């Protein structure tokens, strides 16, 4: 690691995400520390949803490239899209924009 490569302070999760979307953790590994956490089984619910086969294959491929599970990528996409839709003015929402 070069001396000038420091993990920047982030004001919010969006800034953190932007940084890590364009940087490799391996370049900053020596600046990390172990973390302990527990995941509650009640934190998530599973739903059966039909997905077009070609769409699923594309999502699975993209998840592999990003090194995350298909489920995580689907949740990320849903969260991002819902955030965009919720940020639209009421007129655009009532016009049938999904």
PDB file of N, CA and C in Angstrom:
ATOM      1  N   UNK A   1       0.836  -1.187   0.000  1.00  0.00           N
ATOM      2  CA  UNK A   1       0.000   0.000   0.000  1.00  0.00           C
ATOM      3  C   UNK A   1       0.872   1.238   0.000  1.00  0.00           C
ATOM      4  N   UNK A   2       0.522   2.208  -0.817  1.00  0.00           N
ATOM      5  CA  UNK A   2       1.283   3.448  -0.812  1.00  0.00           C
ATOM      6  C   UNK A   2       0.828   4.302   0.358  1.00  0.00           C
ATOM      7  N   UNK A   3       1.717   5.188   0.813  1.00  0.00           N
ATOM      8  CA  UNK A   3       1.453   6.000   1.995  1.00  0.00           C
ATOM      9  C   UNK A   3       0.238   6.908   1.795  1.00  0.00           C
ATOM     10  N   UNK A   4      -0.019   7.368   0.581  1.00  0.00           N
ATOM     11  CA  UNK A   4      -1.109   8.318   0.353  1.00  0.00           C
ATOM     12  C   UNK A   4      -2.481   7.658   0.210  1.00  0.00           C
ATOM     13  N   UNK A   5      -2.553   6.328   0.261  1.00  0.00           N
ATOM     14  CA  UNK A   5      -3.836   5.643   0.151  1.00  0.00           C
ATOM     15  C   UNK A   5      -4.428   5.463   1.532  1.00  0.00           C
ATOM     16  N   UNK A   6      -5.360   6.320   1.892  1.00  0.00           N
ATOM     17  CA  UNK A   6      -6.046   6.233   3.171  1.00  0.00           C
ATOM     18  C   UNK A   6      -7.535   6.107   2.912  1.00  0.00           C
ATOM     19  N   UNK A   7      -8.205   5.319   3.739  1.00  0.00           N
ATOM     20  CA  UNK A   7      -9.661   5.232   3.636  1.00  0.00           C
ATOM     21  C   UNK A   7     -10.216   6.573   4.096  1.00  0.00           C
ATOM     22  N   UNK A   8     -10.968   7.264   3.244  1.00  0.00           N
ATOM     23  CA  UNK A   8     -11.468   8.591   3.620  1.00  0.00           C
ATOM     24  C   UNK A   8     -12.604   8.507   4.635  1.00  0.00           C
ATOM     25  N   UNK A   9     -12.758   9.560   5.405  1.00  0.00           N
ATOM     26  CA  UNK A   9     -13.904   9.675   6.308  1.00  0.00           C
ATOM     27  C   UNK A   9     -15.130   9.931   5.441  1.00  0.00           C
ATOM     28  N   UNK A  10     -16.209   9.216   5.716  1.00  0.00           N
ATOM     29  CA  UNK A  10     -17.439   9.384   4.933  1.00  0.00           C
ATOM     30  C   UNK A  10     -18.508  10.013   5.817  1.00  0.00           C
ATOM     31  N   UNK A  11     -19.293  10.908   5.222  1.00  0.00           N
ATOM     32  CA  UNK A  11     -20.369  11.569   5.957  1.00  0.00           C
ATOM     33  C   UNK A  11     -21.617  10.702   6.027  1.00  0.00           C
ATOM     34  N   UNK A  12     -21.734   9.756   5.069  1.00  0.00           N
ATOM     35  CA  UNK A  12     -22.939   8.923   5.025  1.00  0.00           C
ATOM     36  C   UNK A  12     -22.631   7.640   4.245  1.00  0.00           C
ATOM     37  N   UNK A  13     -23.628   6.742   4.215  1.00  0.00           N
ATOM     38  CA  UNK A  13     -23.444   5.468   3.526  1.00  0.00           C
ATOM     39  C   UNK A  13     -23.248   5.651   2.032  1.00  0.00           C
ATOM     40  N   UNK A  14     -23.867   6.667   1.447  1.00  0.00           N
ATOM     41  CA  UNK A  14     -23.731   6.898   0.013  1.00  0.00           C
ATOM     42  C   UNK A  14     -22.284   7.218  -0.344  1.00  0.00           C
ATOM     43  N   UNK A  15     -21.637   8.065   0.471  1.00  0.00           N
ATOM     44  CA  UNK A  15     -20.227   8.386   0.221  1.00  0.00           C
ATOM     45  C   UNK A  15     -19.348   7.148   0.355  1.00  0.00           C
ATOM     46  N   UNK A  16     -19.654   6.328   1.377  1.00  0.00           N
ATOM     47  CA  UNK A  16     -18.892   5.084   1.548  1.00  0.00           C
ATOM     48  C   UNK A  16     -19.065   4.187   0.333  1.00  0.00           C
ATOM     49  N   UNK A  17     -20.309   4.041  -0.113  1.00  0.00           N
ATOM     50  CA  UNK A  17     -20.592   3.169  -1.256  1.00  0.00           C
ATOM     51  C   UNK A  17     -19.879   3.666  -2.504  1.00  0.00           C
ATOM     52  N   UNK A  18     -19.905   4.978  -2.739  1.00  0.00           N
ATOM     53  CA  UNK A  18     -19.228   5.538  -3.916  1.00  0.00           C
ATOM     54  C   UNK A  18     -17.729   5.233  -3.871  1.00  0.00           C
ATOM     55  N   UNK A  19     -17.127   5.373  -2.701  1.00  0.00           N
ATOM     56  CA  UNK A  19     -15.698   5.094  -2.578  1.00  0.00           C
ATOM     57  C   UNK A  19     -15.400   3.633  -2.878  1.00  0.00           C
ATOM     58  N   UNK A  20     -16.142   2.704  -2.217  1.00  0.00           N
ATOM     59  CA  UNK A  20     -15.834   1.285  -2.374  1.00  0.00           C
ATOM     60  C   UNK A  20     -16.267   0.733  -3.721  1.00  0.00           C
ATOM     61  N   UNK A  21     -17.171   1.424  -4.417  1.00  0.00           N
ATOM     62  CA  UNK A  21     -17.517   1.011  -5.779  1.00  0.00           C
ATOM     63  C   UNK A  21     -16.358   1.219  -6.741  1.00  0.00           C
ATOM     64  N   UNK A  22     -15.442   2.109  -6.388  1.00  0.00           N
ATOM     65  CA  UNK A  22     -14.342   2.440  -7.298  1.00  0.00           C
ATOM     66  C   UNK A  22     -12.964   2.095  -6.740  1.00  0.00           C
ATOM     67  N   UNK A  23     -12.908   1.448  -5.574  1.00  0.00           N
ATOM     68  CA  UNK A  23     -11.627   1.098  -4.958  1.00  0.00           C
ATOM     69  C   UNK A  23     -11.627  -0.371  -4.537  1.00  0.00           C
ATOM     70  N   UNK A  24     -10.454  -0.942  -4.438  1.00  0.00           N
ATOM     71  CA  UNK A  24     -10.291  -2.343  -4.076  1.00  0.00           C
ATOM     72  C   UNK A  24      -9.900  -2.448  -2.608  1.00  0.00           C
ATOM     73  N   UNK A  25     -10.670  -3.226  -1.849  1.00  0.00           N
ATOM     74  CA  UNK A  25     -10.385  -3.404  -0.425  1.00  0.00           C
ATOM     75  C   UNK A  25      -8.971  -3.931  -0.194  1.00  0.00           C
ATOM     76  N   UNK A  26      -8.472  -4.730  -1.112  1.00  0.00           N
ATOM     77  CA  UNK A  26      -7.119  -5.293  -0.959  1.00  0.00           C
ATOM     78  C   UNK A  26      -6.068  -4.193  -0.822  1.00  0.00           C
ATOM     79  N   UNK A  27      -6.305  -3.022  -1.424  1.00  0.00           N
ATOM     80  CA  UNK A  27      -5.356  -1.915  -1.333  1.00  0.00           C
ATOM     81  C   UNK A  27      -5.380  -1.241   0.037  1.00  0.00           C
ATOM     82  N   UNK A  28      -6.399  -1.532   0.844  1.00  0.00           N
ATOM     83  CA  UNK A  28      -6.586  -0.868   2.127  1.00  0.00           C
ATOM     84  C   UNK A  28      -6.691  -1.857   3.284  1.00  0.00           C
ATOM     85  N   UNK A  29      -6.386  -3.121   3.016  1.00  0.00           N
ATOM     86  CA  UNK A  29      -6.597  -4.194   3.991  1.00  0.00           C
ATOM     87  C   UNK A  29      -5.918  -3.906   5.322  1.00  0.00           C
ATOM     88  N   UNK A  30      -4.716  -3.333   5.292  1.00  0.00           N
ATOM     89  CA  UNK A  30      -3.986  -3.083   6.534  1.00  0.00           C
ATOM     90  C   UNK A  30      -4.625  -1.985   7.384  1.00  0.00           C
ATOM     91  N   UNK A  31      -5.608  -1.281   6.859  1.00  0.00           N
ATOM     92  CA  UNK A  31      -6.312  -0.250   7.613  1.00  0.00           C
ATOM     93  C   UNK A  31      -7.629  -0.761   8.204  1.00  0.00           C
ATOM     94  N   UNK A  32      -7.918  -2.038   8.004  1.00  0.00           N
ATOM     95  CA  UNK A  32      -9.170  -2.596   8.511  1.00  0.00           C
ATOM     96  C   UNK A  32      -8.932  -3.287   9.847  1.00  0.00           C
ATOM     97  N   UNK A  33     -10.025  -3.584  10.523  1.00  0.00           N
ATOM     98  CA  UNK A  33      -9.932  -4.317  11.784  1.00  0.00           C
ATOM     99  C   UNK A  33     -11.069  -5.317  11.850  1.00  0.00           C
ATOM    100  N   UNK A  34     -10.903  -6.383  12.623  1.00  0.00           N
ATOM    101  CA  UNK A  34     -11.959  -7.393  12.720  1.00  0.00           C
ATOM    102  C   UNK A  34     -13.237  -6.797  13.309  1.00  0.00           C
ATOM    103  N   UNK A  35     -14.348  -7.352  12.889  1.00  0.00           N
ATOM    104  CA  UNK A  35     -15.640  -6.909  13.412  1.00  0.00           C
ATOM    105  C   UNK A  35     -16.447  -8.124  13.832  1.00  0.00           C
ATOM    106  N   UNK A  36     -17.164  -7.995  14.919  1.00  0.00           N
ATOM    107  CA  UNK A  36     -18.037  -9.058  15.377  1.00  0.00           C
ATOM    108  C   UNK A  36     -19.471  -8.554  15.316  1.00  0.00           C
ATOM    109  N   UNK A  37     -20.369  -9.400  14.829  1.00  0.00           N
ATOM    110  CA  UNK A  37     -21.776  -9.025  14.764  1.00  0.00           C
ATOM    111  C   UNK A  37     -22.626 -10.266  14.683  1.00  0.00           C
ATOM    112  N   UNK A  38     -23.889 -10.113  15.023  1.00  0.00           N
ATOM    113  CA  UNK A  38     -24.843 -11.205  14.941  1.00  0.00           C
ATOM    114  C   UNK A  38     -25.956 -10.797  13.995  1.00  0.00           C
ATOM    115  N   UNK A  39     -26.453 -11.765  13.251  1.00  0.00           N
ATOM    116  CA  UNK A  39     -27.564 -11.511  12.340  1.00  0.00           C
ATOM    117  C   UNK A  39     -28.790 -12.226  12.888  1.00  0.00           C
ATOM    118  N   UNK A  40     -29.822 -11.476  13.122  1.00  0.00           N
ATOM    119  CA  UNK A  40     -31.049 -12.047  13.656  1.00  0.00           C
ATOM    120  C   UNK A  40     -31.801 -12.789  12.559  1.00  0.00           C
ATOM    121  N   UNK A  41     -32.258 -14.012  12.835  1.00  0.00           N
ATOM    122  CA  UNK A  41     -33.041 -14.744  11.826  1.00  0.00           C
ATOM    123  C   UNK A  41     -34.355 -14.031  11.493  1.00  0.00           C
ATOM    124  N   UNK A  42     -34.819 -13.173  12.402  1.00  0.00           N
ATOM    125  CA  UNK A  42     -36.056 -12.440  12.155  1.00  0.00           C
ATOM    126  C   UNK A  42     -35.838 -11.180  11.311  1.00  0.00           C
ATOM    127  N   UNK A  43     -34.597 -10.869  11.006  1.00  0.00           N
ATOM    128  CA  UNK A  43     -34.292  -9.634  10.278  1.00  0.00           C
ATOM    129  C   UNK A  43     -34.778  -9.663   8.832  1.00  0.00           C
ATOM    130  N   UNK A  44     -34.911 -10.840   8.260  1.00  0.00           N
ATOM    131  CA  UNK A  44     -35.325 -10.964   6.866  1.00  0.00           C
ATOM    132  C   UNK A  44     -36.448 -11.969   6.740  1.00  0.00           C
ATOM    133  N   UNK A  45     -37.255 -11.752   5.737  1.00  0.00           N
ATOM    134  CA  UNK A  45     -38.296 -12.723   5.394  1.00  0.00           C
ATOM    135  C   UNK A  45     -38.055 -13.136   3.947  1.00  0.00           C
ATOM    136  N   UNK A  46     -38.371 -14.347   3.640  1.00  0.00           N
ATOM    137  CA  UNK A  46     -38.218 -14.850   2.275  1.00  0.00           C
ATOM    138  C   UNK A  46     -39.569 -14.836   1.588  1.00  0.00           C
ATOM    139  N   UNK A  47     -39.565 -14.427   0.331  1.00  0.00           N
ATOM    140  CA  UNK A  47     -40.764 -14.416  -0.493  1.00  0.00           C
ATOM    141  C   UNK A  47     -40.462 -15.127  -1.795  1.00  0.00           C
ATOM    142  N   UNK A  48     -41.407 -15.888  -2.258  1.00  0.00           N
ATOM    143  CA  UNK A  48     -41.260 -16.563  -3.531  1.00  0.00           C
ATOM    144  C   UNK A  48     -41.781 -15.633  -4.619  1.00  0.00           C
ATOM    145  N   UNK A  49     -40.911 -15.262  -5.539  1.00  0.00           N
ATOM    146  CA  UNK A  49     -41.266 -14.346  -6.621  1.00  0.00           C
ATOM    147  C   UNK A  49     -40.791 -14.954  -7.931  1.00  0.00           C
ATOM    148  N   UNK A  50     -41.672 -15.020  -8.918  1.00  0.00           N
ATOM    149  CA  UNK A  50     -41.276 -15.523 -10.234  1.00  0.00           C
ATOM    150  C   UNK A  50     -40.426 -14.478 -10.943  1.00  0.00           C
ATOM    151  N   UNK A  51     -39.317 -14.936 -11.498  1.00  0.00           N
ATOM    152  CA  UNK A  51     -38.407 -14.037 -12.211  1.00  0.00           C
ATOM    153  C   UNK A  51     -38.127 -14.650 -13.577  1.00  0.00           C
ATOM    154  N   UNK A  52     -38.162 -13.816 -14.591  1.00  0.00           N
ATOM    155  CA  UNK A  52     -37.837 -14.261 -15.942  1.00  0.00           C
ATOM    156  C   UNK A  52     -36.456 -14.922 -15.938  1.00  0.00           C
ATOM    157  N   UNK A  53     -36.340 -16.059 -16.613  1.00  0.00           N
ATOM    158  CA  UNK A  53     -35.099 -16.835 -16.606  1.00  0.00           C
ATOM    159  C   UNK A  53     -33.902 -16.018 -17.068  1.00  0.00           C
ATOM    160  N   UNK A  54     -34.045 -15.281 -18.157  1.00  0.00           N
ATOM    161  CA  UNK A  54     -32.917 -14.490 -18.669  1.00  0.00           C
ATOM    162  C   UNK A  54     -32.538 -13.371 -17.700  1.00  0.00           C
ATOM    163  N   UNK A  55     -33.536 -12.768 -17.062  1.00  0.00           N
ATOM    164  CA  UNK A  55     -33.264 -11.735 -16.069  1.00  0.00           C
ATOM    165  C   UNK A  55     -32.501 -12.333 -14.884  1.00  0.00           C
ATOM    166  N   UNK A  56     -32.932 -13.500 -14.426  1.00  0.00           N
ATOM    167  CA  UNK A  56     -32.248 -14.159 -13.317  1.00  0.00           C
ATOM    168  C   UNK A  56     -30.798 -14.482 -13.676  1.00  0.00           C
ATOM    169  N   UNK A  57     -30.571 -14.983 -14.878  1.00  0.00           N
ATOM    170  CA  UNK A  57     -29.201 -15.294 -15.291  1.00  0.00           C
ATOM    171  C   UNK A  57     -28.322 -14.044 -15.310  1.00  0.00           C
ATOM    172  N   UNK A  58     -28.885 -12.931 -15.776  1.00  0.00           N
ATOM    173  CA  UNK A  58     -28.133 -11.665 -15.794  1.00  0.00           C
ATOM    174  C   UNK A  58     -27.811 -11.202 -14.373  1.00  0.00           C
ATOM    175  N   UNK A  59     -28.794 -11.314 -13.476  1.00  0.00           N
ATOM    176  CA  UNK A  59     -28.578 -10.901 -12.089  1.00  0.00           C
ATOM    177  C   UNK A  59     -27.534 -11.803 -11.430  1.00  0.00           C
ATOM    178  N   UNK A  60     -27.635 -13.100 -11.644  1.00  0.00           N
ATOM    179  CA  UNK A  60     -26.664 -14.033 -11.064  1.00  0.00           C
ATOM    180  C   UNK A  60     -25.257 -13.744 -11.560  1.00  0.00           C
ATOM    181  N   UNK A  61     -25.124 -13.471 -12.854  1.00  0.00           N
ATOM    182  CA  UNK A  61     -23.800 -13.159 -13.423  1.00  0.00           C
ATOM    183  C   UNK A  61     -23.238 -11.881 -12.798  1.00  0.00           C
ATOM    184  N   UNK A  62     -24.079 -10.842 -12.687  1.00  0.00           N
ATOM    185  CA  UNK A  62     -23.628  -9.583 -12.115  1.00  0.00           C
ATOM    186  C   UNK A  62     -23.252  -9.760 -10.640  1.00  0.00           C
ATOM    187  N   UNK A  63     -24.010 -10.571  -9.913  1.00  0.00           N
ATOM    188  CA  UNK A  63     -23.700 -10.827  -8.504  1.00  0.00           C
ATOM    189  C   UNK A  63     -22.340 -11.518  -8.374  1.00  0.00           C
ATOM    190  N   UNK A  64     -22.075 -12.499  -9.224  1.00  0.00           N
ATOM    191  CA  UNK A  64     -20.777 -13.191  -9.199  1.00  0.00           C
ATOM    192  C   UNK A  64     -19.641 -12.212  -9.455  1.00  0.00           C
ATOM    193  N   UNK A  65     -19.821 -11.335 -10.434  1.00  0.00           N
ATOM    194  CA  UNK A  65     -18.786 -10.348 -10.767  1.00  0.00           C
ATOM    195  C   UNK A  65     -18.516  -9.436  -9.569  1.00  0.00           C
ATOM    196  N   UNK A  66     -19.582  -9.040  -8.860  1.00  0.00           N
ATOM    197  CA  UNK A  66     -19.438  -8.160  -7.697  1.00  0.00           C
ATOM    198  C   UNK A  66     -19.011  -8.903  -6.439  1.00  0.00           C
ATOM    199  N   UNK A  67     -19.041 -10.231  -6.503  1.00  0.00           N
ATOM    200  CA  UNK A  67     -18.635 -11.014  -5.345  1.00  0.00           C
ATOM    201  C   UNK A  67     -19.658 -11.020  -4.223  1.00  0.00           C
ATOM    202  N   UNK A  68     -20.940 -10.914  -4.574  1.00  0.00           N
ATOM    203  CA  UNK A  68     -22.002 -10.943  -3.573  1.00  0.00           C
ATOM    204  C   UNK A  68     -23.046 -11.977  -3.982  1.00  0.00           C
ATOM    205  N   UNK A  69     -23.960 -12.282  -3.084  1.00  0.00           N
ATOM    206  CA  UNK A  69     -24.995 -13.250  -3.407  1.00  0.00           C
ATOM    207  C   UNK A  69     -26.050 -12.611  -4.312  1.00  0.00           C
ATOM    208  N   UNK A  70     -26.742 -13.468  -5.031  1.00  0.00           N
ATOM    209  CA  UNK A  70     -27.842 -12.998  -5.878  1.00  0.00           C
ATOM    210  C   UNK A  70     -28.882 -12.289  -5.017  1.00  0.00           C
ATOM    211  N   UNK A  71     -29.192 -12.857  -3.862  1.00  0.00           N
ATOM    212  CA  UNK A  71     -30.168 -12.249  -2.957  1.00  0.00           C
ATOM    213  C   UNK A  71     -29.746 -10.843  -2.539  1.00  0.00           C
ATOM    214  N   UNK A  72     -28.468 -10.653  -2.213  1.00  0.00           N
ATOM    215  CA  UNK A  72     -27.978  -9.331  -1.818  1.00  0.00           C
ATOM    216  C   UNK A  72     -28.103  -8.336  -2.956  1.00  0.00           C
ATOM    217  N   UNK A  73     -27.770  -8.768  -4.166  1.00  0.00           N
ATOM    218  CA  UNK A  73     -27.859  -7.866  -5.307  1.00  0.00           C
ATOM    219  C   UNK A  73     -29.307  -7.486  -5.601  1.00  0.00           C
ATOM    220  N   UNK A  74     -30.219  -8.440  -5.519  1.00  0.00           N
ATOM    221  CA  UNK A  74     -31.638  -8.140  -5.742  1.00  0.00           C
ATOM    222  C   UNK A  74     -32.123  -7.142  -4.694  1.00  0.00           C
ATOM    223  N   UNK A  75     -31.760  -7.353  -3.428  1.00  0.00           N
ATOM    224  CA  UNK A  75     -32.145  -6.413  -2.379  1.00  0.00           C
ATOM    225  C   UNK A  75     -31.570  -5.024  -2.624  1.00  0.00           C
ATOM    226  N   UNK A  76     -30.320  -4.966  -3.064  1.00  0.00           N
ATOM    227  CA  UNK A  76     -29.683  -3.684  -3.369  1.00  0.00           C
ATOM    228  C   UNK A  76     -30.421  -2.973  -4.497  1.00  0.00           C
ATOM    229  N   UNK A  77     -30.714  -3.704  -5.585  1.00  0.00           N
ATOM    230  CA  UNK A  77     -31.430  -3.105  -6.707  1.00  0.00           C
ATOM    231  C   UNK A  77     -32.814  -2.616  -6.299  1.00  0.00           C
ATOM    232  N   UNK A  78     -33.533  -3.420  -5.511  1.00  0.00           N
ATOM    233  CA  UNK A  78     -34.861  -3.015  -5.058  1.00  0.00           C
ATOM    234  C   UNK A  78     -34.775  -1.753  -4.198  1.00  0.00           C
ATOM    235  N   UNK A  79     -33.821  -1.722  -3.284  1.00  0.00           N
ATOM    236  CA  UNK A  79     -33.660  -0.556  -2.418  1.00  0.00           C
ATOM    237  C   UNK A  79     -33.330   0.693  -3.232  1.00  0.00           C
ATOM    238  N   UNK A  80     -32.400   0.575  -4.180  1.00  0.00           N
ATOM    239  CA  UNK A  80     -32.024   1.719  -5.011  1.00  0.00           C
ATOM    240  C   UNK A  80     -33.206   2.223  -5.824  1.00  0.00           C
ATOM    241  N   UNK A  81     -33.939   1.298  -6.445  1.00  0.00           N
ATOM    242  CA  UNK A  81     -35.063   1.707  -7.278  1.00  0.00           C
ATOM    243  C   UNK A  81     -36.176   2.330  -6.434  1.00  0.00           C
ATOM    244  N   UNK A  82     -36.477   1.744  -5.291  1.00  0.00           N
ATOM    245  CA  UNK A  82     -37.497   2.327  -4.417  1.00  0.00           C
ATOM    246  C   UNK A  82     -37.100   3.716  -3.963  1.00  0.00           C
ATOM    247  N   UNK A  83     -35.813   3.900  -3.655  1.00  0.00           N
ATOM    248  CA  UNK A  83     -35.323   5.231  -3.257  1.00  0.00           C
ATOM    249  C   UNK A  83     -35.542   6.241  -4.387  1.00  0.00           C
ATOM    250  N   UNK A  84     -35.247   5.846  -5.620  1.00  0.00           N
ATOM    251  CA  UNK A  84     -35.452   6.729  -6.774  1.00  0.00           C
ATOM    252  C   UNK A  84     -36.924   7.065  -6.957  1.00  0.00           C
ATOM    253  N   UNK A  85     -37.781   6.058  -6.873  1.00  0.00           N
ATOM    254  CA  UNK A  85     -39.227   6.268  -7.062  1.00  0.00           C
ATOM    255  C   UNK A  85     -39.777   7.156  -5.955  1.00  0.00           C
ATOM    256  N   UNK A  86     -39.363   6.899  -4.722  1.00  0.00           N
ATOM    257  CA  UNK A  86     -39.854   7.696  -3.600  1.00  0.00           C
ATOM    258  C   UNK A  86     -39.389   9.146  -3.683  1.00  0.00           C
ATOM    259  N   UNK A  87     -38.267   9.382  -4.343  1.00  0.00           N
ATOM    260  CA  UNK A  87     -37.733  10.736  -4.469  1.00  0.00           C
ATOM    261  C   UNK A  87     -38.407  11.533  -5.582  1.00  0.00           C
ATOM    262  N   UNK A  88     -39.174  10.862  -6.453  1.00  0.00           N
ATOM    263  CA  UNK A  88     -39.846  11.543  -7.555  1.00  0.00           C
ATOM    264  C   UNK A  88     -40.992  12.405  -7.026  1.00  0.00           C
ATOM    265  N   UNK A  89     -41.302  13.495  -7.740  1.00  0.00           N
ATOM    266  CA  UNK A  89     -42.463  14.299  -7.350  1.00  0.00           C
ATOM    267  C   UNK A  89     -43.749  13.468  -7.443  1.00  0.00           C
ATOM    268  N   UNK A  90     -44.758  13.844  -6.687  1.00  0.00           N
ATOM    269  CA  UNK A  90     -46.022  13.102  -6.645  1.00  0.00           C
ATOM    270  C   UNK A  90     -46.639  12.976  -8.042  1.00  0.00           C
ATOM    271  N   UNK A  91     -46.513  13.982  -8.892  1.00  0.00           N
ATOM    272  CA  UNK A  91     -47.100  13.931 -10.230  1.00  0.00           C
ATOM    273  C   UNK A  91     -46.534  12.774 -11.034  1.00  0.00           C
ATOM    274  N   UNK A  92     -45.224  12.557 -10.935  1.00  0.00           N
ATOM    275  CA  UNK A  92     -44.590  11.458 -11.692  1.00  0.00           C
ATOM    276  C   UNK A  92     -45.038  10.118 -11.161  1.00  0.00           C
ATOM    277  N   UNK A  93     -45.243  10.019  -9.849  1.00  0.00           N
ATOM    278  CA  UNK A  93     -45.680   8.752  -9.255  1.00  0.00           C
ATOM    279  C   UNK A  93     -47.091   8.421  -9.712  1.00  0.00           C
ATOM    280  N   UNK A  94     -47.974   9.409  -9.748  1.00  0.00           N
ATOM    281  CA  UNK A  94     -49.354   9.133 -10.119  1.00  0.00           C
ATOM    282  C   UNK A  94     -49.503   8.912 -11.618  1.00  0.00           C
ATOM    283  N   UNK A  95     -48.494   9.264 -12.405  1.00  0.00           N
ATOM    284  CA  UNK A  95     -48.545   9.074 -13.849  1.00  0.00           C
ATOM    285  C   UNK A  95     -48.201   7.634 -14.238  1.00  0.00           C
ATOM    286  N   UNK A  96     -47.971   6.789 -13.244  1.00  0.00           N
ATOM    287  CA  UNK A  96     -47.727   5.381 -13.532  1.00  0.00           C
ATOM    288  C   UNK A  96     -46.257   5.014 -13.617  1.00  0.00           C
ATOM    289  N   UNK A  97     -45.363   5.871 -13.173  1.00  0.00           N
ATOM    290  CA  UNK A  97     -43.935   5.558 -13.183  1.00  0.00           C
ATOM    291  C   UNK A  97     -43.641   4.511 -12.121  1.00  0.00           C
ATOM    292  N   UNK A  98     -42.906   3.472 -12.513  1.00  0.00           N
ATOM    293  CA  UNK A  98     -42.572   2.412 -11.552  1.00  0.00           C
ATOM    294  C   UNK A  98     -41.137   2.568 -11.123  1.00  0.00           C
TER     295      UNK A  98
END
